[in-house]
Structures are given as C-alpha cells and as structure tokens.
Amino acid sequence: MDVWIKQCRKQSRCRHCPEPITKGQYMVVGKLWKGKDGVARTWTIILRWHTQCWIDQAIQKLEKQPFIETKGRKRLDPGHTVAEVKDGNRGARHKIMMRRAAVVQRIKKEVELPEQSIDKIIHLGEMLNQLREEIELVGGVPKSWE
C-alpha cells in the first residue's frame, strides 16, 4: 500500500469515523494495489482518513498487541544449548561453524561436477564428522547439523 498526505480537493468520506473530510482539510490517502503477482496491477482501492483518525486507528491496532521489551534480535533456536555456551567458547564455536560451512560448500561444488571424485567426497564427509566432534566440546551440535 502506498500512503501519502495531501489537501482535500472535494469532500470525501473518512475510513475511520462518520464525519466527512471537508474541502481544504489535510487528509491521509492510502492506495491499495490489487492484482496477481507477476502480472500488471489491474485495479486499486483508494482509502482516505482524517490525519488524526489515521493516527488513532494505528494506536488502536497497536494497543491490541501487548508490548514486549526485547534487547537485540531473537535467537534462531532458543531451546538449544547455544544459549548456554560460555562467552569464551563462542569464538571457537563460530570458527568451527565457518569451517563446516566451507566444507559443505566444497561438497556441493564437487557433486555438481560432471566427473565426481568419490574419494574427495568421502574425505569431505570425514571432515564433517570431525567438525561435529569438535563442536560437541564447545556447546553441543546444532539441530541444523543433525
């Protein structure tokens, strides 16, 4: 939806309250595009509000949702042992995860080649198992590795 503010040129109806928006008053205009994805936009809906009605409507919507104070971003997997990792192990754990990502990338490249080297793929698989054992010591294996 596109939203902008402008001066009303002719009387129109407010989307939030029963009072009309009179000529010369400031109003908030919303244009909602309807149509299929990937296809040209076929039609639109124009919505108009008094400036204060638009703010009141937004406040009403926000009041329905409880405010939860957070610091930073949410963890991807809050129930996993990563939350219990000590600060000293975080750096070592990150390095192991980066090494695993590089090995996984090398495996994907090797599989895509027309002439695959089975010995190389087996070697890379052994490296993955070794990294799994290393990360076990610094906080446990992530669920995404299983």
N, C-alpha and C. Protein backbone atom coordinates (compact mmCIF):
# COMPACT_ATOMS: atom_id res chain seq x y z
N MET A 1 0.84 -1.17 0.00
CA MET A 1 0.00 0.00 0.00
C MET A 1 0.89 1.24 0.00
N ASP A 2 0.51 2.19 -0.82
CA ASP A 2 1.18 3.49 -0.85
C ASP A 2 0.39 4.43 0.05
N VAL A 3 1.09 5.23 0.86
CA VAL A 3 0.43 6.16 1.78
C VAL A 3 1.07 7.53 1.63
N TRP A 4 0.26 8.57 1.54
CA TRP A 4 0.77 9.93 1.49
C TRP A 4 -0.26 10.87 2.11
N ILE A 5 0.14 12.11 2.34
CA ILE A 5 -0.76 13.11 2.91
C ILE A 5 -0.93 14.22 1.89
N LYS A 6 -2.16 14.74 1.81
CA LYS A 6 -2.43 15.83 0.87
C LYS A 6 -3.63 16.62 1.35
N GLN A 7 -3.91 17.72 0.65
CA GLN A 7 -5.04 18.56 0.98
C GLN A 7 -6.25 18.07 0.18
N CYS A 8 -7.38 18.01 0.84
CA CYS A 8 -8.61 17.50 0.21
C CYS A 8 -9.13 18.53 -0.81
N ARG A 9 -9.41 18.07 -2.03
CA ARG A 9 -9.92 18.97 -3.08
C ARG A 9 -11.43 18.98 -3.13
N LYS A 10 -12.05 17.85 -2.80
CA LYS A 10 -13.51 17.81 -2.71
C LYS A 10 -13.89 16.94 -1.51
N GLN A 11 -15.05 17.15 -0.99
CA GLN A 11 -15.48 16.43 0.21
C GLN A 11 -15.44 14.93 -0.03
N SER A 12 -14.89 14.19 0.94
CA SER A 12 -14.86 12.73 0.85
C SER A 12 -15.14 12.12 2.21
N ARG A 13 -15.29 10.81 2.24
CA ARG A 13 -15.68 10.10 3.46
C ARG A 13 -14.44 9.52 4.14
N CYS A 14 -14.34 9.69 5.46
CA CYS A 14 -13.23 9.15 6.24
C CYS A 14 -13.46 7.65 6.44
N ARG A 15 -12.40 6.88 6.35
CA ARG A 15 -12.47 5.43 6.50
C ARG A 15 -12.68 5.03 7.97
N HIS A 16 -12.34 5.91 8.90
CA HIS A 16 -12.37 5.56 10.32
C HIS A 16 -13.59 6.11 11.05
N CYS A 17 -13.96 7.34 10.77
CA CYS A 17 -15.07 7.97 11.51
C CYS A 17 -16.19 8.35 10.54
N PRO A 18 -17.38 8.65 11.06
CA PRO A 18 -18.51 9.01 10.18
C PRO A 18 -18.46 10.43 9.64
N GLU A 19 -17.60 11.29 10.21
CA GLU A 19 -17.54 12.68 9.75
C GLU A 19 -16.86 12.77 8.39
N PRO A 20 -17.36 13.65 7.52
CA PRO A 20 -16.74 13.80 6.20
C PRO A 20 -15.44 14.62 6.28
N ILE A 21 -14.58 14.41 5.33
CA ILE A 21 -13.36 15.22 5.21
C ILE A 21 -13.74 16.38 4.30
N THR A 22 -13.66 17.59 4.83
CA THR A 22 -14.13 18.75 4.07
C THR A 22 -13.04 19.29 3.16
N LYS A 23 -13.47 20.05 2.20
CA LYS A 23 -12.59 20.65 1.20
C LYS A 23 -11.57 21.56 1.88
N GLY A 24 -10.27 21.37 1.57
CA GLY A 24 -9.20 22.19 2.12
C GLY A 24 -8.53 21.58 3.34
N GLN A 25 -9.14 20.55 3.94
CA GLN A 25 -8.56 19.88 5.11
C GLN A 25 -7.42 18.95 4.66
N TYR A 26 -6.46 18.74 5.56
CA TYR A 26 -5.42 17.77 5.27
C TYR A 26 -5.97 16.36 5.51
N MET A 27 -5.57 15.42 4.67
CA MET A 27 -6.03 14.05 4.82
C MET A 27 -4.90 13.09 4.45
N VAL A 28 -5.01 11.88 4.98
CA VAL A 28 -4.06 10.82 4.64
C VAL A 28 -4.74 9.95 3.59
N VAL A 29 -4.01 9.65 2.52
CA VAL A 29 -4.55 8.85 1.43
C VAL A 29 -3.74 7.56 1.34
N GLY A 30 -4.44 6.45 1.21
CA GLY A 30 -3.79 5.16 1.03
C GLY A 30 -4.28 4.54 -0.27
N LYS A 31 -3.35 4.01 -1.05
CA LYS A 31 -3.72 3.37 -2.31
C LYS A 31 -3.31 1.91 -2.23
N LEU A 32 -4.29 1.03 -2.25
CA LEU A 32 -4.05 -0.40 -2.13
C LEU A 32 -4.14 -1.02 -3.52
N TRP A 33 -3.05 -1.63 -3.97
CA TRP A 33 -2.99 -2.23 -5.29
C TRP A 33 -3.49 -3.67 -5.22
N LYS A 34 -4.39 -4.03 -6.10
CA LYS A 34 -4.91 -5.39 -6.17
C LYS A 34 -4.54 -5.98 -7.53
N GLY A 35 -4.21 -7.23 -7.54
CA GLY A 35 -3.87 -7.91 -8.77
C GLY A 35 -3.04 -9.13 -8.46
N LYS A 36 -2.67 -9.87 -9.47
CA LYS A 36 -1.90 -11.09 -9.27
C LYS A 36 -0.41 -10.77 -9.28
N ASP A 37 0.37 -11.59 -8.56
CA ASP A 37 1.83 -11.41 -8.56
C ASP A 37 2.38 -11.70 -9.94
N GLY A 38 3.30 -10.87 -10.38
CA GLY A 38 3.94 -11.07 -11.68
C GLY A 38 3.12 -10.56 -12.84
N VAL A 39 1.90 -10.11 -12.58
CA VAL A 39 1.02 -9.59 -13.63
C VAL A 39 0.84 -8.10 -13.36
N ALA A 40 0.59 -7.36 -14.42
CA ALA A 40 0.38 -5.91 -14.25
C ALA A 40 -0.75 -5.65 -13.26
N ARG A 41 -0.60 -4.62 -12.46
CA ARG A 41 -1.62 -4.26 -11.48
C ARG A 41 -2.90 -3.90 -12.21
N THR A 42 -3.98 -4.52 -11.83
CA THR A 42 -5.20 -4.34 -12.58
C THR A 42 -6.13 -3.28 -12.02
N TRP A 43 -6.26 -3.16 -10.69
CA TRP A 43 -7.14 -2.16 -10.11
C TRP A 43 -6.66 -1.78 -8.73
N THR A 44 -7.19 -0.67 -8.22
CA THR A 44 -6.73 -0.15 -6.93
C THR A 44 -7.92 0.22 -6.05
N ILE A 45 -7.65 0.35 -4.76
CA ILE A 45 -8.62 0.85 -3.80
C ILE A 45 -8.00 2.09 -3.17
N ILE A 46 -8.74 3.18 -3.17
CA ILE A 46 -8.27 4.43 -2.56
C ILE A 46 -8.95 4.57 -1.20
N LEU A 47 -8.17 4.76 -0.15
CA LEU A 47 -8.68 4.93 1.20
C LEU A 47 -8.29 6.32 1.69
N ARG A 48 -9.22 6.98 2.39
CA ARG A 48 -8.96 8.34 2.88
C ARG A 48 -9.28 8.41 4.37
N TRP A 49 -8.44 9.15 5.12
CA TRP A 49 -8.64 9.33 6.56
C TRP A 49 -8.36 10.79 6.92
N HIS A 50 -8.99 11.26 8.01
CA HIS A 50 -8.52 12.48 8.65
C HIS A 50 -7.13 12.15 9.18
N THR A 51 -6.27 13.14 9.29
CA THR A 51 -4.92 12.85 9.78
C THR A 51 -4.97 12.28 11.20
N GLN A 52 -5.81 12.85 12.07
CA GLN A 52 -5.90 12.35 13.44
C GLN A 52 -6.57 10.98 13.49
N CYS A 53 -7.53 10.72 12.62
CA CYS A 53 -8.19 9.40 12.58
C CYS A 53 -7.20 8.32 12.19
N TRP A 54 -6.31 8.66 11.26
CA TRP A 54 -5.30 7.69 10.82
C TRP A 54 -4.39 7.31 11.99
N ILE A 55 -3.99 8.32 12.77
CA ILE A 55 -3.13 8.07 13.94
C ILE A 55 -3.91 7.28 15.00
N ASP A 56 -5.18 7.66 15.24
CA ASP A 56 -6.00 6.95 16.23
C ASP A 56 -6.19 5.48 15.84
N GLN A 57 -6.42 5.22 14.57
CA GLN A 57 -6.60 3.85 14.09
C GLN A 57 -5.34 3.03 14.31
N ALA A 58 -4.19 3.64 14.05
CA ALA A 58 -2.92 2.94 14.25
C ALA A 58 -2.69 2.64 15.73
N ILE A 59 -3.01 3.60 16.59
CA ILE A 59 -2.83 3.40 18.04
C ILE A 59 -3.75 2.29 18.54
N GLN A 60 -4.99 2.26 18.06
CA GLN A 60 -5.93 1.20 18.45
C GLN A 60 -5.40 -0.18 18.05
N LYS A 61 -4.84 -0.26 16.88
CA LYS A 61 -4.30 -1.54 16.42
C LYS A 61 -3.11 -1.96 17.28
N LEU A 62 -2.23 -1.00 17.61
CA LEU A 62 -1.06 -1.32 18.42
C LEU A 62 -1.44 -1.69 19.86
N GLU A 63 -2.51 -1.12 20.37
CA GLU A 63 -2.93 -1.43 21.73
C GLU A 63 -3.45 -2.86 21.86
N LYS A 64 -3.90 -3.45 20.77
CA LYS A 64 -4.36 -4.84 20.79
C LYS A 64 -3.21 -5.81 20.98
N GLN A 65 -2.00 -5.40 20.56
CA GLN A 65 -0.83 -6.25 20.69
C GLN A 65 -0.06 -5.83 21.93
N PRO A 66 0.24 -6.76 22.83
CA PRO A 66 0.99 -6.38 24.04
C PRO A 66 2.42 -5.99 23.69
N PHE A 67 2.93 -4.99 24.41
CA PHE A 67 4.31 -4.55 24.19
C PHE A 67 5.25 -5.46 24.96
N ILE A 68 6.23 -6.02 24.28
CA ILE A 68 7.22 -6.89 24.90
C ILE A 68 8.59 -6.26 24.68
N GLU A 69 9.25 -5.92 25.78
CA GLU A 69 10.56 -5.30 25.68
C GLU A 69 11.60 -6.36 25.34
N THR A 70 12.37 -6.11 24.30
CA THR A 70 13.42 -7.05 23.89
C THR A 70 14.72 -6.30 23.70
N LYS A 71 15.79 -7.01 23.80
CA LYS A 71 17.11 -6.44 23.53
C LYS A 71 17.73 -7.25 22.41
N GLY A 72 18.04 -6.61 21.32
CA GLY A 72 18.66 -7.30 20.20
C GLY A 72 17.67 -8.18 19.46
N ARG A 73 18.19 -9.08 18.65
CA ARG A 73 17.33 -9.94 17.86
C ARG A 73 17.04 -11.24 18.60
N LYS A 74 16.01 -11.93 18.15
CA LYS A 74 15.66 -13.20 18.76
C LYS A 74 16.65 -14.26 18.31
N ARG A 75 16.90 -15.22 19.15
CA ARG A 75 17.73 -16.34 18.77
C ARG A 75 16.96 -17.23 17.82
N LEU A 76 17.67 -17.85 16.88
CA LEU A 76 17.02 -18.73 15.93
C LEU A 76 16.47 -19.97 16.60
N ASP A 77 17.15 -20.48 17.61
CA ASP A 77 16.75 -21.71 18.26
C ASP A 77 16.87 -21.53 19.77
N PRO A 78 15.86 -20.91 20.42
CA PRO A 78 16.00 -20.59 21.84
C PRO A 78 16.10 -21.80 22.76
N GLY A 79 15.60 -22.96 22.36
CA GLY A 79 15.62 -24.11 23.24
C GLY A 79 16.90 -24.91 23.15
N HIS A 80 17.85 -24.50 22.34
CA HIS A 80 19.06 -25.28 22.14
C HIS A 80 20.16 -24.85 23.10
N THR A 81 21.19 -25.64 23.17
CA THR A 81 22.27 -25.41 24.13
C THR A 81 23.14 -24.21 23.77
N VAL A 82 22.93 -23.61 22.59
CA VAL A 82 23.75 -22.47 22.20
C VAL A 82 23.59 -21.33 23.20
N ALA A 83 22.39 -21.19 23.77
CA ALA A 83 22.15 -20.14 24.75
C ALA A 83 23.00 -20.35 26.01
N GLU A 84 23.40 -21.58 26.25
CA GLU A 84 24.17 -21.90 27.45
C GLU A 84 25.68 -21.86 27.20
N VAL A 85 26.09 -21.54 25.99
CA VAL A 85 27.51 -21.51 25.66
C VAL A 85 28.17 -20.34 26.38
N LYS A 86 29.29 -20.59 26.98
CA LYS A 86 30.00 -19.53 27.68
C LYS A 86 30.64 -18.60 26.67
N ASP A 87 30.87 -17.35 27.08
CA ASP A 87 31.44 -16.35 26.16
C ASP A 87 32.80 -16.78 25.62
N GLY A 88 33.58 -17.49 26.39
CA GLY A 88 34.90 -17.93 25.94
C GLY A 88 34.83 -18.94 24.81
N ASN A 89 33.73 -19.71 24.75
CA ASN A 89 33.58 -20.73 23.72
C ASN A 89 32.92 -20.20 22.45
N ARG A 90 32.33 -19.04 22.52
CA ARG A 90 31.60 -18.53 21.36
C ARG A 90 32.50 -18.34 20.14
N GLY A 91 33.69 -17.81 20.34
CA GLY A 91 34.61 -17.59 19.23
C GLY A 91 35.04 -18.91 18.60
N ALA A 92 35.40 -19.87 19.44
CA ALA A 92 35.82 -21.17 18.93
C ALA A 92 34.66 -21.85 18.21
N ARG A 93 33.48 -21.75 18.77
CA ARG A 93 32.29 -22.37 18.15
C ARG A 93 32.01 -21.73 16.79
N HIS A 94 32.13 -20.43 16.70
CA HIS A 94 31.89 -19.73 15.44
C HIS A 94 32.89 -20.17 14.37
N LYS A 95 34.15 -20.32 14.75
CA LYS A 95 35.17 -20.77 13.79
C LYS A 95 34.85 -22.16 13.26
N ILE A 96 34.40 -23.05 14.14
CA ILE A 96 34.05 -24.41 13.71
C ILE A 96 32.87 -24.36 12.75
N MET A 97 31.89 -23.53 13.05
CA MET A 97 30.72 -23.42 12.17
C MET A 97 31.10 -22.86 10.80
N MET A 98 32.05 -21.92 10.78
CA MET A 98 32.51 -21.37 9.50
C MET A 98 33.27 -22.44 8.70
N ARG A 99 34.07 -23.23 9.38
CA ARG A 99 34.80 -24.30 8.70
C ARG A 99 33.83 -25.33 8.12
N ARG A 100 32.76 -25.64 8.87
CA ARG A 100 31.77 -26.59 8.37
C ARG A 100 31.07 -26.03 7.13
N ALA A 101 30.74 -24.74 7.16
CA ALA A 101 30.08 -24.13 6.00
C ALA A 101 30.96 -24.23 4.76
N ALA A 102 32.27 -24.04 4.95
CA ALA A 102 33.20 -24.15 3.82
C ALA A 102 33.24 -25.58 3.29
N VAL A 103 33.22 -26.57 4.19
CA VAL A 103 33.25 -27.98 3.76
C VAL A 103 31.97 -28.33 3.02
N VAL A 104 30.83 -27.88 3.53
CA VAL A 104 29.55 -28.14 2.87
C VAL A 104 29.54 -27.53 1.47
N GLN A 105 30.09 -26.33 1.35
CA GLN A 105 30.15 -25.68 0.05
C GLN A 105 31.04 -26.47 -0.91
N ARG A 106 32.15 -26.98 -0.41
CA ARG A 106 33.05 -27.79 -1.25
C ARG A 106 32.37 -29.08 -1.70
N ILE A 107 31.56 -29.68 -0.82
CA ILE A 107 30.83 -30.89 -1.18
C ILE A 107 29.83 -30.59 -2.29
N LYS A 108 29.10 -29.49 -2.16
CA LYS A 108 28.11 -29.12 -3.19
C LYS A 108 28.78 -28.90 -4.54
N LYS A 109 29.93 -28.22 -4.54
CA LYS A 109 30.64 -27.98 -5.80
C LYS A 109 31.12 -29.30 -6.42
N GLU A 110 31.59 -30.20 -5.58
CA GLU A 110 32.10 -31.48 -6.07
C GLU A 110 30.98 -32.33 -6.65
N VAL A 111 29.81 -32.29 -6.04
CA VAL A 111 28.67 -33.08 -6.52
C VAL A 111 28.18 -32.54 -7.87
N GLU A 112 28.28 -31.24 -8.09
CA GLU A 112 27.80 -30.63 -9.33
C GLU A 112 28.73 -30.91 -10.52
N LEU A 113 29.96 -31.29 -10.27
CA LEU A 113 30.91 -31.54 -11.36
C LEU A 113 30.48 -32.75 -12.17
N PRO A 114 30.76 -32.73 -13.50
CA PRO A 114 30.39 -33.89 -14.33
C PRO A 114 31.20 -35.14 -13.96
N GLU A 115 32.47 -34.96 -13.60
CA GLU A 115 33.32 -36.08 -13.19
C GLU A 115 33.59 -35.94 -11.69
N GLN A 116 32.81 -36.66 -10.90
CA GLN A 116 32.93 -36.55 -9.46
C GLN A 116 34.01 -37.48 -8.93
N SER A 117 34.74 -37.00 -7.96
CA SER A 117 35.76 -37.80 -7.30
C SER A 117 35.16 -38.35 -6.00
N ILE A 118 34.87 -39.64 -6.00
CA ILE A 118 34.25 -40.27 -4.83
C ILE A 118 35.18 -40.17 -3.63
N ASP A 119 36.49 -40.33 -3.86
CA ASP A 119 37.44 -40.26 -2.75
C ASP A 119 37.41 -38.88 -2.09
N LYS A 120 37.29 -37.83 -2.90
CA LYS A 120 37.27 -36.47 -2.36
C LYS A 120 35.99 -36.25 -1.54
N ILE A 121 34.85 -36.76 -2.04
CA ILE A 121 33.59 -36.61 -1.32
C ILE A 121 33.64 -37.36 0.01
N ILE A 122 34.23 -38.55 0.02
CA ILE A 122 34.38 -39.32 1.26
C ILE A 122 35.26 -38.56 2.24
N HIS A 123 36.36 -37.97 1.74
CA HIS A 123 37.26 -37.19 2.60
C HIS A 123 36.53 -36.00 3.22
N LEU A 124 35.72 -35.30 2.41
CA LEU A 124 34.97 -34.15 2.92
C LEU A 124 33.92 -34.59 3.95
N GLY A 125 33.31 -35.75 3.74
CA GLY A 125 32.36 -36.30 4.71
C GLY A 125 33.04 -36.60 6.04
N GLU A 126 34.28 -37.12 5.98
CA GLU A 126 35.04 -37.38 7.21
C GLU A 126 35.36 -36.08 7.93
N MET A 127 35.62 -35.03 7.15
CA MET A 127 35.89 -33.72 7.76
C MET A 127 34.65 -33.22 8.50
N LEU A 128 33.45 -33.45 7.92
CA LEU A 128 32.21 -33.05 8.59
C LEU A 128 32.06 -33.78 9.92
N ASN A 129 32.36 -35.08 9.93
CA ASN A 129 32.26 -35.85 11.18
C ASN A 129 33.25 -35.34 12.22
N GLN A 130 34.44 -34.96 11.77
CA GLN A 130 35.45 -34.43 12.68
C GLN A 130 34.99 -33.09 13.28
N LEU A 131 34.39 -32.24 12.45
CA LEU A 131 33.89 -30.94 12.94
C LEU A 131 32.74 -31.15 13.91
N ARG A 132 31.92 -32.19 13.68
CA ARG A 132 30.83 -32.50 14.61
C ARG A 132 31.40 -32.86 15.99
N GLU A 133 32.49 -33.62 16.01
CA GLU A 133 33.13 -34.00 17.27
C GLU A 133 33.74 -32.78 17.97
N GLU A 134 34.32 -31.86 17.18
CA GLU A 134 34.93 -30.66 17.76
C GLU A 134 33.89 -29.74 18.39
N ILE A 135 32.76 -29.58 17.70
CA ILE A 135 31.76 -28.65 18.22
C ILE A 135 31.02 -29.24 19.42
N GLU A 136 31.03 -30.55 19.55
CA GLU A 136 30.43 -31.21 20.71
C GLU A 136 31.09 -30.73 22.00
N LEU A 137 32.38 -30.41 21.94
CA LEU A 137 33.14 -30.00 23.11
C LEU A 137 32.86 -28.54 23.52
N VAL A 138 32.38 -27.72 22.59
CA VAL A 138 32.18 -26.30 22.89
C VAL A 138 30.71 -25.89 22.80
N GLY A 139 29.81 -26.72 23.32
CA GLY A 139 28.42 -26.31 23.41
C GLY A 139 27.43 -27.23 22.76
N GLY A 140 27.85 -28.28 22.13
CA GLY A 140 26.91 -29.22 21.53
C GLY A 140 26.68 -28.99 20.06
N VAL A 141 26.13 -30.00 19.42
CA VAL A 141 25.88 -29.97 17.97
C VAL A 141 24.57 -29.24 17.73
N PRO A 142 24.56 -28.25 16.82
CA PRO A 142 23.29 -27.55 16.50
C PRO A 142 22.30 -28.51 15.83
N LYS A 143 21.02 -28.23 16.00
CA LYS A 143 19.98 -29.08 15.41
C LYS A 143 20.08 -29.10 13.87
N SER A 144 20.53 -28.00 13.28
CA SER A 144 20.62 -27.94 11.82
C SER A 144 21.67 -28.89 11.27
N TRP A 145 22.58 -29.37 12.11
CA TRP A 145 23.63 -30.30 11.66
C TRP A 145 23.13 -31.73 11.69
N GLU A 146 22.03 -31.98 12.36
CA GLU A 146 21.56 -33.35 12.52
C GLU A 146 20.74 -33.81 11.36
